[in-house]
C-alpha cells in the first residue's frame, strides 16, 4: 500500500463554519433591510437548510401576563444564488427601518 503526503503548496480552504456564518448574516441582513425592524424584536433565526436555501424566522417579545414570551412574527424561505435573493412569501416592508 502506498501513501502520499498532502500537497503543502495547495491553498488552505476557508473553514466551512466561517462561510456559513457569513452567508447566514448576509441573508439576515437582506430580510431585515426589506422587512424593517419590528418593535420589540427578540431575535432573528436563520437556518441553512441546504446549499443556497435558508429558513428565516423573526421573533418578537410579548410581555402579556406575568411571563415574557416570544412570538414568531414573520417567517420566510429564502434562496440565494448568483448575488440575488428570492423569498417565499415575498418580503414586503412591514415595519419601520429605523432601530427601535
Protein backbone atom coordinates (compact mmCIF):
# COMPACT_ATOMS: atom_id res chain seq x y z
CA UNK A 1 0.00 0.00 0.00
CA UNK A 2 1.35 3.39 -0.97
CA UNK A 3 0.56 6.52 0.98
CA UNK A 4 1.07 10.06 -0.18
CA UNK A 5 1.54 13.14 1.92
CA UNK A 6 -0.75 16.12 1.43
CA UNK A 7 0.40 18.72 -1.06
CA UNK A 8 1.71 21.59 1.07
CA UNK A 9 1.58 24.05 -1.83
CA UNK A 10 -2.20 23.89 -2.22
CA UNK A 11 -4.30 26.77 -0.89
CA UNK A 12 -5.75 26.37 2.57
CA UNK A 13 -9.56 26.14 2.30
CA UNK A 14 -11.73 28.57 4.24
CA UNK A 15 -13.39 26.76 7.14
CA UNK A 16 -16.98 25.77 6.34
CA UNK A 17 -18.27 27.32 9.57
CA UNK A 18 -16.90 30.73 8.53
CA UNK A 19 -18.65 30.52 5.17
CA UNK A 20 -21.95 29.51 6.76
CA UNK A 21 -21.82 32.34 9.32
CA UNK A 22 -21.03 34.85 6.57
CA UNK A 23 -23.84 33.56 4.34
CA UNK A 24 -26.44 33.46 7.10
CA UNK A 25 -25.52 37.01 8.18
CA UNK A 26 -25.98 38.22 4.59
CA UNK A 27 -29.40 36.51 4.37
CA UNK A 28 -30.46 38.04 7.69
CA UNK A 29 -29.31 41.50 6.54
CA UNK A 30 -31.29 41.09 3.30
CA UNK A 31 -34.50 40.09 5.10
CA UNK A 32 -34.28 42.82 7.74
CA UNK A 33 -33.45 45.52 5.17
CA UNK A 34 -36.64 44.69 3.27
CA UNK A 35 -38.92 43.82 6.19
CA UNK A 36 -37.87 46.57 8.58
CA UNK A 37 -37.31 46.15 12.31
CA UNK A 38 -40.31 45.02 14.36
CA UNK A 39 -40.87 46.94 17.61
CA UNK A 40 -39.97 44.52 20.45
CA UNK A 41 -37.64 42.46 18.22
CA UNK A 42 -36.35 39.47 20.20
CA UNK A 43 -34.23 37.62 17.63
CA UNK A 44 -33.84 36.61 14.01
CA UNK A 45 -33.13 32.93 13.43
CA UNK A 46 -31.52 31.97 10.10
CA UNK A 47 -31.08 28.26 9.39
CA UNK A 48 -29.35 26.92 6.32
CA UNK A 49 -31.44 24.03 5.01
CA UNK A 50 -29.15 23.09 2.12
CA UNK A 51 -26.82 24.90 -0.26
CA UNK A 52 -28.35 28.28 -1.04
CA UNK A 53 -31.61 27.66 0.86
CA UNK A 54 -32.50 29.21 4.22
CA UNK A 55 -35.41 29.42 6.64
CA UNK A 56 -35.61 32.84 8.33
CA UNK A 57 -37.85 33.27 11.39
CA UNK A 58 -38.33 36.64 13.09
CA UNK A 59 -39.38 36.60 16.76
CA UNK A 60 -40.84 39.42 18.86
CA UNK A 61 -41.25 39.74 22.63
CA UNK A 62 -44.67 39.64 24.23
CA UNK A 63 -44.99 40.78 27.83
CA UNK A 64 -48.65 39.92 28.30
CA UNK A 65 -49.24 38.40 31.70
CA UNK A 66 -46.64 37.51 34.32
CA UNK A 67 -44.23 35.83 31.89
CA UNK A 68 -42.36 37.18 28.89
CA UNK A 69 -42.87 35.08 25.77
CA UNK A 70 -41.74 35.22 22.16
CA UNK A 71 -43.94 35.04 19.10
CA UNK A 72 -42.81 34.23 15.58
CA UNK A 73 -44.00 37.35 13.79
CA UNK A 74 -42.59 36.55 10.34
CA UNK A 75 -41.17 33.55 8.51
CA UNK A 76 -39.55 33.27 5.08
CA UNK A 77 -37.95 30.64 2.87
CA UNK A 78 -35.03 32.41 1.16
CA UNK A 79 -32.92 31.11 -1.71
CA UNK A 80 -29.62 32.71 -2.62
CA UNK A 81 -27.84 32.42 -5.91
CA UNK A 82 -25.67 34.47 -8.24
CA UNK A 83 -25.75 37.53 -5.98
CA UNK A 84 -29.57 37.66 -5.80
CA UNK A 85 -32.12 36.52 -3.23
CA UNK A 86 -35.65 35.23 -3.67
CA UNK A 87 -38.16 34.79 -0.87
CA UNK A 88 -41.37 32.87 -0.38
CA UNK A 89 -43.54 34.60 0.62
CA UNK A 90 -42.28 37.84 -0.90
CA UNK A 91 -40.82 40.20 1.70
CA UNK A 92 -42.73 43.47 1.98
CA UNK A 93 -41.79 46.31 4.28
CA UNK A 94 -43.96 45.77 7.33
CA UNK A 95 -42.04 47.76 9.93
CA UNK A 96 -40.09 50.99 10.18
CA UNK A 97 -36.48 50.51 9.09
CA UNK A 98 -35.20 52.65 11.97
CA UNK A 99 -33.97 50.84 15.08
CA UNK A 100 -36.49 50.72 17.93
